[in-house]
């Protein structure tokens, strides 16, 4: 039988998870700027005071919601970027790995206005640097990549999650995504080269 301390710890963990899940859903639906802490409390079915017992500020809540997604994304991107000569296959594999790891939660990277969260802004900048470097190296084949290659990196970053979401649930979603992203990368390489 679970003791009082075990039950209390479990209830606290469940309440925190419910708050984070409710916030994530609202942030994905409306964007973080449009969501108030009161709305999160209502969606999580907790009192406002309870919400603030777990998260003292919206920045802390944003970090708890999107931080784990960014940490996973950074780890996967660093692994892919360690390849001495990445190609389009590595970029496509990274995007698919991110999707398998985080799924729809990747949308949080677009839903959060980073100026509202200094904690996430630093993590997000690091992730963007890594992924843009990887894409730039894959497109132009060198470490010091040109401005146009960085623009390709930005385009791919802004495109891959919406493309995966659009294909979600289809039998051949990964194959169609791979073909679409490869076409984007090859077209960009042709423009840059």
N, C-alpha and C. Protein backbone atom coordinates (compact mmCIF):
# COMPACT_ATOMS: atom_id res chain seq x y z
N UNK A 1 0.84 -1.19 0.00
CA UNK A 1 0.00 0.00 0.00
C UNK A 1 0.88 1.25 0.00
N UNK A 2 0.49 2.22 -0.78
CA UNK A 2 1.24 3.45 -0.92
C UNK A 2 1.06 4.30 0.34
N UNK A 3 2.18 4.79 0.90
CA UNK A 3 2.13 5.64 2.09
C UNK A 3 1.68 7.04 1.74
N UNK A 4 1.43 7.84 2.79
CA UNK A 4 0.99 9.22 2.57
C UNK A 4 2.01 10.01 1.77
N UNK A 5 3.29 9.82 2.08
CA UNK A 5 4.33 10.56 1.38
C UNK A 5 4.37 10.17 -0.10
N UNK A 6 4.22 8.90 -0.42
CA UNK A 6 4.20 8.45 -1.80
C UNK A 6 3.00 8.98 -2.55
N UNK A 7 1.85 8.99 -1.92
CA UNK A 7 0.63 9.48 -2.54
C UNK A 7 0.74 10.99 -2.79
N UNK A 8 1.29 11.72 -1.83
CA UNK A 8 1.45 13.16 -1.97
C UNK A 8 2.40 13.49 -3.10
N UNK A 9 3.51 12.78 -3.16
CA UNK A 9 4.49 13.02 -4.24
C UNK A 9 3.87 12.71 -5.60
N UNK A 10 3.11 11.63 -5.67
CA UNK A 10 2.45 11.27 -6.93
C UNK A 10 1.44 12.33 -7.35
N UNK A 11 0.65 12.82 -6.40
CA UNK A 11 -0.35 13.85 -6.72
C UNK A 11 0.31 15.14 -7.18
N UNK A 12 1.43 15.49 -6.56
CA UNK A 12 2.17 16.69 -6.98
C UNK A 12 2.72 16.52 -8.40
N UNK A 13 3.29 15.36 -8.66
CA UNK A 13 3.83 15.08 -10.00
C UNK A 13 2.71 15.13 -11.04
N UNK A 14 1.57 14.52 -10.73
CA UNK A 14 0.44 14.50 -11.66
C UNK A 14 -0.10 15.91 -11.91
N UNK A 15 -0.17 16.72 -10.86
CA UNK A 15 -0.65 18.10 -11.02
C UNK A 15 0.31 18.89 -11.91
N UNK A 16 1.60 18.73 -11.68
CA UNK A 16 2.60 19.43 -12.49
C UNK A 16 2.50 18.99 -13.95
N UNK A 17 2.39 17.69 -14.18
CA UNK A 17 2.25 17.17 -15.54
C UNK A 17 0.99 17.69 -16.22
N UNK A 18 -0.10 17.78 -15.46
CA UNK A 18 -1.37 18.28 -16.00
C UNK A 18 -1.22 19.76 -16.40
N UNK A 19 -0.52 20.52 -15.59
CA UNK A 19 -0.30 21.94 -15.89
C UNK A 19 0.54 22.09 -17.14
N UNK A 20 1.63 21.34 -17.23
CA UNK A 20 2.52 21.42 -18.40
C UNK A 20 1.77 20.99 -19.66
N UNK A 21 1.00 19.92 -19.58
CA UNK A 21 0.25 19.44 -20.75
C UNK A 21 -0.80 20.48 -21.17
N UNK A 22 -1.50 21.07 -20.22
CA UNK A 22 -2.51 22.08 -20.55
C UNK A 22 -1.84 23.30 -21.19
N UNK A 23 -0.73 23.73 -20.63
CA UNK A 23 -0.01 24.88 -21.19
C UNK A 23 0.46 24.58 -22.60
N UNK A 24 1.02 23.39 -22.80
CA UNK A 24 1.51 23.02 -24.14
C UNK A 24 0.37 23.07 -25.15
N UNK A 25 -0.77 22.52 -24.79
CA UNK A 25 -1.92 22.54 -25.70
C UNK A 25 -2.37 23.95 -26.04
N UNK A 26 -2.43 24.80 -25.02
CA UNK A 26 -2.83 26.19 -25.26
C UNK A 26 -1.80 26.95 -26.08
N UNK A 27 -0.51 26.74 -25.78
CA UNK A 27 0.55 27.42 -26.53
C UNK A 27 0.52 27.00 -28.00
N UNK A 28 0.30 25.71 -28.25
CA UNK A 28 0.23 25.23 -29.63
C UNK A 28 -0.99 25.81 -30.36
N UNK A 29 -2.08 25.92 -29.63
CA UNK A 29 -3.33 26.40 -30.25
C UNK A 29 -3.31 27.91 -30.50
N UNK A 30 -2.83 28.69 -29.53
CA UNK A 30 -2.97 30.14 -29.59
C UNK A 30 -1.66 30.90 -29.74
N UNK A 31 -0.53 30.24 -29.47
CA UNK A 31 0.73 30.96 -29.34
C UNK A 31 0.88 31.38 -27.89
N UNK A 32 2.09 31.36 -27.40
CA UNK A 32 2.32 31.60 -25.97
C UNK A 32 1.90 33.00 -25.53
N UNK A 33 2.14 33.98 -26.36
CA UNK A 33 1.84 35.36 -25.98
C UNK A 33 0.35 35.55 -25.68
N UNK A 34 -0.50 34.83 -26.39
CA UNK A 34 -1.95 35.00 -26.24
C UNK A 34 -2.54 34.22 -25.07
N UNK A 35 -1.72 33.44 -24.38
CA UNK A 35 -2.22 32.58 -23.29
C UNK A 35 -1.85 33.20 -21.94
N UNK A 36 -2.85 33.34 -21.09
CA UNK A 36 -2.60 33.86 -19.74
C UNK A 36 -2.41 32.70 -18.76
N UNK A 37 -1.80 33.02 -17.65
CA UNK A 37 -1.62 32.01 -16.60
C UNK A 37 -2.99 31.57 -16.08
N UNK A 38 -3.96 32.47 -16.05
CA UNK A 38 -5.31 32.10 -15.61
C UNK A 38 -5.92 31.05 -16.55
N UNK A 39 -5.71 31.22 -17.85
CA UNK A 39 -6.22 30.24 -18.81
C UNK A 39 -5.58 28.87 -18.59
N UNK A 40 -4.29 28.87 -18.30
CA UNK A 40 -3.60 27.61 -18.04
C UNK A 40 -4.19 26.94 -16.81
N UNK A 41 -4.42 27.72 -15.75
CA UNK A 41 -4.99 27.16 -14.52
C UNK A 41 -6.35 26.51 -14.80
N UNK A 42 -7.18 27.21 -15.56
CA UNK A 42 -8.51 26.68 -15.89
C UNK A 42 -8.37 25.39 -16.71
N UNK A 43 -7.51 25.42 -17.74
CA UNK A 43 -7.35 24.25 -18.60
C UNK A 43 -6.78 23.06 -17.85
N UNK A 44 -5.92 23.33 -16.85
CA UNK A 44 -5.32 22.25 -16.07
C UNK A 44 -6.20 21.83 -14.90
N UNK A 45 -7.29 22.56 -14.69
CA UNK A 45 -8.22 22.29 -13.59
C UNK A 45 -7.51 22.37 -12.23
N UNK A 46 -6.74 23.47 -12.08
CA UNK A 46 -6.09 23.75 -10.80
C UNK A 46 -6.37 25.20 -10.43
N UNK A 47 -6.26 25.49 -9.16
CA UNK A 47 -6.43 26.86 -8.70
C UNK A 47 -5.24 27.70 -9.17
N UNK A 48 -5.48 28.99 -9.34
CA UNK A 48 -4.41 29.90 -9.76
C UNK A 48 -3.23 29.82 -8.79
N UNK A 49 -3.53 29.77 -7.52
CA UNK A 49 -2.49 29.68 -6.48
C UNK A 49 -1.67 28.40 -6.67
N UNK A 50 -2.34 27.31 -6.99
CA UNK A 50 -1.63 26.04 -7.22
C UNK A 50 -0.69 26.17 -8.40
N UNK A 51 -1.16 26.79 -9.48
CA UNK A 51 -0.31 26.99 -10.65
C UNK A 51 0.95 27.74 -10.26
N UNK A 52 0.80 28.82 -9.49
CA UNK A 52 1.95 29.62 -9.11
C UNK A 52 2.82 28.93 -8.05
N UNK A 53 2.30 27.93 -7.36
CA UNK A 53 3.15 27.12 -6.48
C UNK A 53 4.14 26.29 -7.30
N UNK A 54 3.72 25.87 -8.49
CA UNK A 54 4.58 25.07 -9.36
C UNK A 54 5.46 25.93 -10.27
N UNK A 55 4.90 27.03 -10.75
CA UNK A 55 5.61 27.89 -11.71
C UNK A 55 5.42 29.34 -11.28
N UNK A 56 6.50 29.96 -10.83
CA UNK A 56 6.43 31.34 -10.31
C UNK A 56 6.15 32.36 -11.41
N UNK A 57 6.48 32.00 -12.65
CA UNK A 57 6.30 32.96 -13.75
C UNK A 57 5.94 32.21 -15.03
N UNK A 58 5.48 32.96 -15.99
CA UNK A 58 5.17 32.37 -17.29
C UNK A 58 6.45 31.86 -17.95
N UNK A 59 7.56 32.55 -17.72
CA UNK A 59 8.84 32.12 -18.27
C UNK A 59 9.20 30.72 -17.76
N UNK A 60 8.99 30.47 -16.49
CA UNK A 60 9.26 29.13 -15.94
C UNK A 60 8.35 28.09 -16.58
N UNK A 61 7.10 28.45 -16.79
CA UNK A 61 6.15 27.53 -17.42
C UNK A 61 6.54 27.27 -18.87
N UNK A 62 6.93 28.32 -19.58
CA UNK A 62 7.40 28.14 -20.96
C UNK A 62 8.61 27.22 -21.00
N UNK A 63 9.53 27.41 -20.08
CA UNK A 63 10.74 26.57 -20.04
C UNK A 63 10.39 25.12 -19.74
N UNK A 64 9.44 24.89 -18.83
CA UNK A 64 9.04 23.53 -18.50
C UNK A 64 8.32 22.86 -19.66
N UNK A 65 7.63 23.66 -20.47
CA UNK A 65 6.86 23.13 -21.58
C UNK A 65 7.73 22.84 -22.79
N UNK A 66 8.51 23.81 -23.21
CA UNK A 66 9.31 23.66 -24.44
C UNK A 66 10.76 23.28 -24.18
N UNK A 67 11.25 23.49 -22.98
CA UNK A 67 12.65 23.17 -22.66
C UNK A 67 13.04 21.74 -22.97
N UNK A 68 12.26 20.75 -22.55
CA UNK A 68 12.62 19.37 -22.86
C UNK A 68 12.65 19.08 -24.37
N UNK A 69 11.77 19.73 -25.12
CA UNK A 69 11.78 19.56 -26.58
C UNK A 69 13.08 20.12 -27.15
N UNK A 70 13.46 21.30 -26.69
CA UNK A 70 14.70 21.91 -27.17
C UNK A 70 15.92 21.10 -26.78
N UNK A 71 15.93 20.57 -25.57
CA UNK A 71 17.07 19.75 -25.13
C UNK A 71 17.22 18.53 -26.02
N UNK A 72 16.12 17.86 -26.31
CA UNK A 72 16.16 16.69 -27.19
C UNK A 72 16.60 17.09 -28.59
N UNK A 73 16.08 18.22 -29.09
CA UNK A 73 16.44 18.68 -30.42
C UNK A 73 17.92 19.03 -30.51
N UNK A 74 18.46 19.67 -29.49
CA UNK A 74 19.88 20.03 -29.47
C UNK A 74 20.74 18.77 -29.48
N UNK A 75 20.39 17.80 -28.66
CA UNK A 75 21.18 16.56 -28.60
C UNK A 75 21.19 15.85 -29.96
N UNK A 76 20.04 15.75 -30.59
CA UNK A 76 19.98 15.09 -31.90
C UNK A 76 20.73 15.89 -32.96
N UNK A 77 20.59 17.22 -32.93
CA UNK A 77 21.28 18.07 -33.91
C UNK A 77 22.79 18.01 -33.73
N UNK A 78 23.25 18.00 -32.49
CA UNK A 78 24.70 17.91 -32.24
C UNK A 78 25.26 16.61 -32.77
N UNK A 79 24.54 15.52 -32.58
CA UNK A 79 24.98 14.23 -33.09
C UNK A 79 25.07 14.25 -34.61
N UNK A 80 24.05 14.79 -35.26
CA UNK A 80 24.06 14.87 -36.72
C UNK A 80 25.16 15.80 -37.21
N UNK A 81 25.38 16.90 -36.52
CA UNK A 81 26.38 17.89 -36.94
C UNK A 81 27.81 17.40 -36.72
N UNK A 82 27.98 16.35 -35.93
CA UNK A 82 29.32 15.79 -35.70
C UNK A 82 29.84 15.06 -36.94
N UNK A 83 28.95 14.73 -37.87
CA UNK A 83 29.37 14.09 -39.12
C UNK A 83 30.33 15.02 -39.84
N UNK A 84 31.51 14.52 -40.25
CA UNK A 84 32.49 15.41 -40.88
C UNK A 84 32.04 15.96 -42.24
N UNK A 85 31.22 15.25 -42.94
CA UNK A 85 30.74 15.76 -44.24
C UNK A 85 29.28 15.36 -44.44
N UNK A 86 28.39 16.09 -43.75
CA UNK A 86 26.96 15.74 -43.85
C UNK A 86 26.41 16.04 -45.24
N UNK A 87 25.43 15.26 -45.60
CA UNK A 87 24.73 15.48 -46.87
C UNK A 87 23.24 15.62 -46.61
N UNK A 88 22.49 15.61 -47.68
CA UNK A 88 21.05 15.76 -47.55
C UNK A 88 20.43 14.64 -46.73
N UNK A 89 20.99 13.42 -46.86
CA UNK A 89 20.45 12.29 -46.10
C UNK A 89 20.52 12.54 -44.60
N UNK A 90 21.62 13.16 -44.14
CA UNK A 90 21.77 13.43 -42.71
C UNK A 90 20.78 14.50 -42.25
N UNK A 91 20.53 15.49 -43.07
CA UNK A 91 19.56 16.52 -42.72
C UNK A 91 18.16 15.91 -42.64
N UNK A 92 17.82 15.11 -43.62
CA UNK A 92 16.50 14.45 -43.64
C UNK A 92 16.36 13.52 -42.44
N UNK A 93 17.42 12.74 -42.16
CA UNK A 93 17.39 11.83 -41.02
C UNK A 93 17.22 12.59 -39.71
N UNK A 94 17.90 13.74 -39.58
CA UNK A 94 17.75 14.55 -38.37
C UNK A 94 16.30 15.01 -38.21
N UNK A 95 15.72 15.54 -39.26
CA UNK A 95 14.33 16.02 -39.18
C UNK A 95 13.38 14.89 -38.79
N UNK A 96 13.57 13.73 -39.37
CA UNK A 96 12.72 12.58 -39.03
C UNK A 96 12.98 12.12 -37.60
N UNK A 97 14.22 12.15 -37.15
CA UNK A 97 14.53 11.78 -35.76
C UNK A 97 13.88 12.74 -34.77
N UNK A 98 13.92 14.02 -35.11
CA UNK A 98 13.27 15.01 -34.25
C UNK A 98 11.77 14.74 -34.16
N UNK A 99 11.18 14.39 -35.30
CA UNK A 99 9.75 14.09 -35.32
C UNK A 99 9.44 12.84 -34.49
N UNK A 100 10.25 11.80 -34.67
CA UNK A 100 10.01 10.56 -33.90
C UNK A 100 10.17 10.80 -32.41
N UNK A 101 11.11 11.64 -32.05
CA UNK A 101 11.40 11.92 -30.65
C UNK A 101 10.32 12.81 -30.02
N UNK A 102 9.95 13.85 -30.71
CA UNK A 102 9.11 14.89 -30.10
C UNK A 102 7.72 15.02 -30.70
N UNK A 103 7.53 14.59 -31.92
CA UNK A 103 6.22 14.67 -32.55
C UNK A 103 5.66 16.07 -32.60
N UNK A 104 4.39 16.17 -32.34
CA UNK A 104 3.70 17.46 -32.42
C UNK A 104 4.28 18.51 -31.48
N UNK A 105 4.95 18.05 -30.42
CA UNK A 105 5.54 19.01 -29.48
C UNK A 105 6.59 19.89 -30.15
N UNK A 106 7.11 19.48 -31.31
CA UNK A 106 8.05 20.34 -32.03
C UNK A 106 7.39 21.67 -32.40
N UNK A 107 6.08 21.65 -32.54
CA UNK A 107 5.36 22.88 -32.84
C UNK A 107 5.54 23.95 -31.76
N UNK A 108 5.92 23.54 -30.55
CA UNK A 108 6.17 24.51 -29.48
C UNK A 108 7.31 25.45 -29.85
N UNK A 109 8.25 24.97 -30.67
CA UNK A 109 9.37 25.82 -31.05
C UNK A 109 8.90 27.00 -31.89
N UNK A 110 7.75 26.87 -32.52
CA UNK A 110 7.19 27.97 -33.31
C UNK A 110 6.15 28.76 -32.52
N UNK A 111 5.56 28.14 -31.51
CA UNK A 111 4.44 28.76 -30.79
C UNK A 111 4.88 29.70 -29.68
N UNK A 112 6.14 29.62 -29.31
CA UNK A 112 6.62 30.43 -28.19
C UNK A 112 7.40 31.62 -28.71
N UNK A 113 6.97 32.79 -28.32
CA UNK A 113 7.68 34.01 -28.68
C UNK A 113 8.88 34.10 -27.75
N UNK A 114 10.06 33.94 -28.30
CA UNK A 114 11.24 33.75 -27.47
C UNK A 114 11.63 34.98 -26.67
N UNK A 115 11.18 36.15 -27.09
CA UNK A 115 11.49 37.33 -26.28
C UNK A 115 10.78 37.26 -24.93
N UNK A 116 9.76 36.44 -24.82
CA UNK A 116 9.06 36.26 -23.54
C UNK A 116 9.81 35.30 -22.63
N UNK A 117 10.76 34.57 -23.15
CA UNK A 117 11.44 33.56 -22.36
C UNK A 117 12.95 33.59 -22.59
N UNK A 118 13.67 34.35 -21.78
CA UNK A 118 15.12 34.39 -21.92
C UNK A 118 15.76 33.01 -21.77
N UNK A 119 15.18 32.18 -20.93
CA UNK A 119 15.72 30.83 -20.72
C UNK A 119 15.69 30.06 -22.04
N UNK A 120 14.54 30.08 -22.71
CA UNK A 120 14.39 29.35 -23.96
C UNK A 120 15.12 30.02 -25.12
N UNK A 121 15.22 31.33 -25.09
CA UNK A 121 15.88 32.04 -26.18
C UNK A 121 17.31 31.56 -26.36
N UNK A 122 18.02 31.34 -25.27
CA UNK A 122 19.41 30.87 -25.35
C UNK A 122 19.47 29.45 -25.92
N UNK A 123 18.60 28.58 -25.43
CA UNK A 123 18.56 27.20 -25.94
C UNK A 123 18.19 27.19 -27.42
N UNK A 124 17.20 27.98 -27.78
CA UNK A 124 16.73 28.00 -29.15
C UNK A 124 17.82 28.53 -30.08
N UNK A 125 18.54 29.57 -29.67
CA UNK A 125 19.62 30.12 -30.48
C UNK A 125 20.69 29.06 -30.71
N UNK A 126 21.00 28.29 -29.69
CA UNK A 126 21.99 27.21 -29.82
C UNK A 126 21.52 26.16 -30.82
N UNK A 127 20.25 25.77 -30.71
CA UNK A 127 19.71 24.79 -31.64
C UNK A 127 19.76 25.31 -33.07
N UNK A 128 19.34 26.56 -33.27
CA UNK A 128 19.35 27.14 -34.62
C UNK A 128 20.76 27.19 -35.19
N UNK A 129 21.72 27.57 -34.36
CA UNK A 129 23.12 27.61 -34.84
C UNK A 129 23.56 26.23 -35.33
N UNK A 130 23.24 25.21 -34.57
CA UNK A 130 23.65 23.85 -34.93
C UNK A 130 22.95 23.40 -36.20
N UNK A 131 21.64 23.56 -36.26
CA UNK A 131 20.90 23.04 -37.42
C UNK A 131 21.22 23.84 -38.67
N UNK A 132 21.39 25.14 -38.53
CA UNK A 132 21.76 25.94 -39.71
C UNK A 132 23.15 25.57 -40.21
N UNK A 133 24.07 25.32 -39.28
CA UNK A 133 25.42 24.90 -39.68
C UNK A 133 25.36 23.57 -40.42
N UNK A 134 24.60 22.63 -39.89
CA UNK A 134 24.45 21.32 -40.53
C UNK A 134 23.88 21.47 -41.93
N UNK A 135 22.81 22.21 -42.05
CA UNK A 135 22.17 22.37 -43.35
C UNK A 135 23.09 23.12 -44.31
N UNK A 136 23.73 24.16 -43.81
CA UNK A 136 24.67 24.90 -44.65
C UNK A 136 25.80 24.03 -45.14
N UNK A 137 26.35 23.19 -44.28
CA UNK A 137 27.43 22.28 -44.68
C UNK A 137 26.91 21.26 -45.69
N UNK A 138 25.69 20.78 -45.50
CA UNK A 138 25.13 19.80 -46.43
C UNK A 138 24.88 20.44 -47.79
N UNK A 139 24.48 21.70 -47.81
CA UNK A 139 24.16 22.37 -49.05
C UNK A 139 25.40 22.84 -49.80
N UNK A 140 26.34 23.48 -49.09
CA UNK A 140 27.52 24.04 -49.77
C UNK A 140 28.79 23.26 -49.51
N UNK A 141 28.75 22.30 -48.57
CA UNK A 141 29.89 21.42 -48.36
C UNK A 141 31.07 22.02 -47.63
N UNK A 142 30.87 23.07 -46.87
CA UNK A 142 31.98 23.63 -46.11
C UNK A 142 31.49 24.18 -44.79
N UNK A 143 32.43 24.29 -43.82
CA UNK A 143 32.06 24.72 -42.48
C UNK A 143 31.67 26.18 -42.44
N UNK A 144 32.42 27.04 -43.12
CA UNK A 144 32.08 28.46 -43.12
C UNK A 144 31.12 28.70 -44.28
N UNK A 145 29.86 28.64 -44.00
CA UNK A 145 28.85 28.69 -45.05
C UNK A 145 28.36 30.11 -45.29
N UNK A 146 27.93 30.34 -46.48
CA UNK A 146 27.54 31.67 -46.93
C UNK A 146 26.17 32.07 -46.38
N UNK A 147 25.88 33.34 -46.52
CA UNK A 147 24.59 33.89 -46.07
C UNK A 147 23.44 33.15 -46.73
N UNK A 148 23.56 32.83 -48.00
CA UNK A 148 22.47 32.13 -48.69
C UNK A 148 22.25 30.74 -48.11
N UNK A 149 23.34 30.09 -47.69
CA UNK A 149 23.20 28.77 -47.07
C UNK A 149 22.49 28.90 -45.72
N UNK A 150 22.77 29.98 -44.98
CA UNK A 150 22.05 30.20 -43.71
C UNK A 150 20.56 30.42 -43.97
N UNK A 151 20.25 31.10 -45.05
CA UNK A 151 18.84 31.31 -45.40
C UNK A 151 18.17 29.97 -45.71
N UNK A 152 18.90 29.09 -46.37
CA UNK A 152 18.35 27.75 -46.63
C UNK A 152 18.10 27.05 -45.30
N UNK A 153 19.06 27.17 -44.38
CA UNK A 153 18.88 26.58 -43.05
C UNK A 153 17.62 27.10 -42.38
N UNK A 154 17.39 28.39 -42.46
CA UNK A 154 16.19 28.99 -41.87
C UNK A 154 14.93 28.46 -42.55
N UNK A 155 14.96 28.38 -43.88
CA UNK A 155 13.81 27.89 -44.64
C UNK A 155 13.47 26.46 -44.26
N UNK A 156 14.49 25.60 -44.20
CA UNK A 156 14.25 24.20 -43.83
C UNK A 156 13.71 24.12 -42.42
N UNK A 157 14.30 24.89 -41.51
CA UNK A 157 13.85 24.87 -40.12
C UNK A 157 12.38 25.29 -40.03
N UNK A 158 12.00 26.33 -40.76
CA UNK A 158 10.62 26.82 -40.70
C UNK A 158 9.64 25.91 -41.45
N UNK A 159 10.15 25.04 -42.31
CA UNK A 159 9.29 24.23 -43.16
C UNK A 159 9.08 22.81 -42.68
N UNK A 160 10.07 22.22 -42.01
CA UNK A 160 9.98 20.77 -41.83
C UNK A 160 8.88 20.33 -40.88
N UNK A 161 8.61 21.07 -39.80
CA UNK A 161 7.54 20.64 -38.90
C UNK A 161 6.17 20.81 -39.55
N UNK A 162 5.87 21.97 -40.17
CA UNK A 162 4.56 22.08 -40.85
C UNK A 162 4.37 21.00 -41.93
N UNK A 163 5.45 20.67 -42.64
CA UNK A 163 5.36 19.63 -43.66
C UNK A 163 5.04 18.28 -43.01
N UNK A 164 5.72 17.96 -41.93
CA UNK A 164 5.44 16.70 -41.23
C UNK A 164 4.02 16.68 -40.68
N UNK A 165 3.57 17.80 -40.14
CA UNK A 165 2.20 17.87 -39.63
C UNK A 165 1.19 17.66 -40.74
N UNK A 166 1.47 18.24 -41.90
CA UNK A 166 0.55 18.10 -43.04
C UNK A 166 0.46 16.65 -43.51
N UNK A 167 1.55 15.92 -43.36
CA UNK A 167 1.59 14.53 -43.83
C UNK A 167 1.24 13.52 -42.73
N UNK A 168 1.07 14.00 -41.52
CA UNK A 168 0.84 13.11 -40.38
C UNK A 168 -0.34 12.17 -40.64
N UNK A 169 -0.11 10.90 -40.31
CA UNK A 169 -1.17 9.91 -40.42
C UNK A 169 -1.28 9.24 -41.78
N UNK A 170 -0.57 9.76 -42.77
CA UNK A 170 -0.61 9.13 -44.08
C UNK A 170 0.37 7.95 -44.09
N UNK A 171 0.01 6.92 -44.85
CA UNK A 171 0.82 5.70 -44.87
C UNK A 171 2.26 5.95 -45.28
N UNK A 172 2.47 6.79 -46.25
CA UNK A 172 3.81 7.02 -46.78
C UNK A 172 4.36 8.38 -46.38
N UNK A 173 3.99 8.86 -45.18
CA UNK A 173 4.34 10.21 -44.75
C UNK A 173 5.86 10.43 -44.75
N UNK A 174 6.62 9.50 -44.21
CA UNK A 174 8.07 9.70 -44.13
C UNK A 174 8.70 9.73 -45.51
N UNK A 175 8.26 8.88 -46.40
CA UNK A 175 8.81 8.87 -47.76
C UNK A 175 8.47 10.16 -48.49
N UNK A 176 7.24 10.61 -48.36
CA UNK A 176 6.83 11.86 -49.01
C UNK A 176 7.58 13.05 -48.42
N UNK A 177 7.74 13.05 -47.10
CA UNK A 177 8.50 14.11 -46.45
C UNK A 177 9.94 14.11 -46.96
N UNK A 178 10.55 12.94 -47.01
CA UNK A 178 11.95 12.83 -47.46
C UNK A 178 12.11 13.36 -48.88
N UNK A 179 11.19 13.00 -49.76
CA UNK A 179 11.26 13.50 -51.15
C UNK A 179 11.08 15.02 -51.20
N UNK A 180 10.14 15.52 -50.44
CA UNK A 180 9.89 16.97 -50.43
C UNK A 180 11.06 17.75 -49.89
N UNK A 181 11.63 17.30 -48.78
CA UNK A 181 12.76 18.00 -48.19
C UNK A 181 14.00 17.89 -49.09
N UNK A 182 14.20 16.72 -49.67
CA UNK A 182 15.34 16.55 -50.59
C UNK A 182 15.20 17.52 -51.78
N UNK A 183 13.99 17.67 -52.31
CA UNK A 183 13.77 18.60 -53.41
C UNK A 183 14.08 20.03 -53.00
N UNK A 184 13.67 20.40 -51.80
CA UNK A 184 13.97 21.73 -51.28
C UNK A 184 15.48 21.94 -51.16
N UNK A 185 16.17 20.97 -50.59
CA UNK A 185 17.62 21.07 -50.41
C UNK A 185 18.35 21.11 -51.74
N UNK A 186 17.94 20.25 -52.67
CA UNK A 186 18.60 20.23 -53.99
C UNK A 186 18.36 21.53 -54.75
N UNK A 187 17.15 22.05 -54.66
CA UNK A 187 16.85 23.33 -55.31
C UNK A 187 17.68 24.45 -54.71
N UNK A 188 17.81 24.44 -53.39
CA UNK A 188 18.62 25.47 -52.72
C UNK A 188 20.09 25.33 -53.09
N UNK A 189 20.56 24.09 -53.15
CA UNK A 189 21.97 23.87 -53.52
C UNK A 189 22.24 24.37 -54.93
N UNK A 190 21.28 24.17 -55.84
CA UNK A 190 21.43 24.65 -57.21
C UNK A 190 21.48 26.15 -57.28
N UNK A 191 20.69 26.81 -56.43
CA UNK A 191 20.68 28.27 -56.40
C UNK A 191 21.98 28.82 -55.82
N UNK A 192 22.51 28.15 -54.80
CA UNK A 192 23.71 28.63 -54.13
C UNK A 192 24.96 28.32 -54.97
N UNK A 193 24.98 27.10 -55.53
CA UNK A 193 26.16 26.64 -56.27
C UNK A 193 26.27 27.24 -57.59
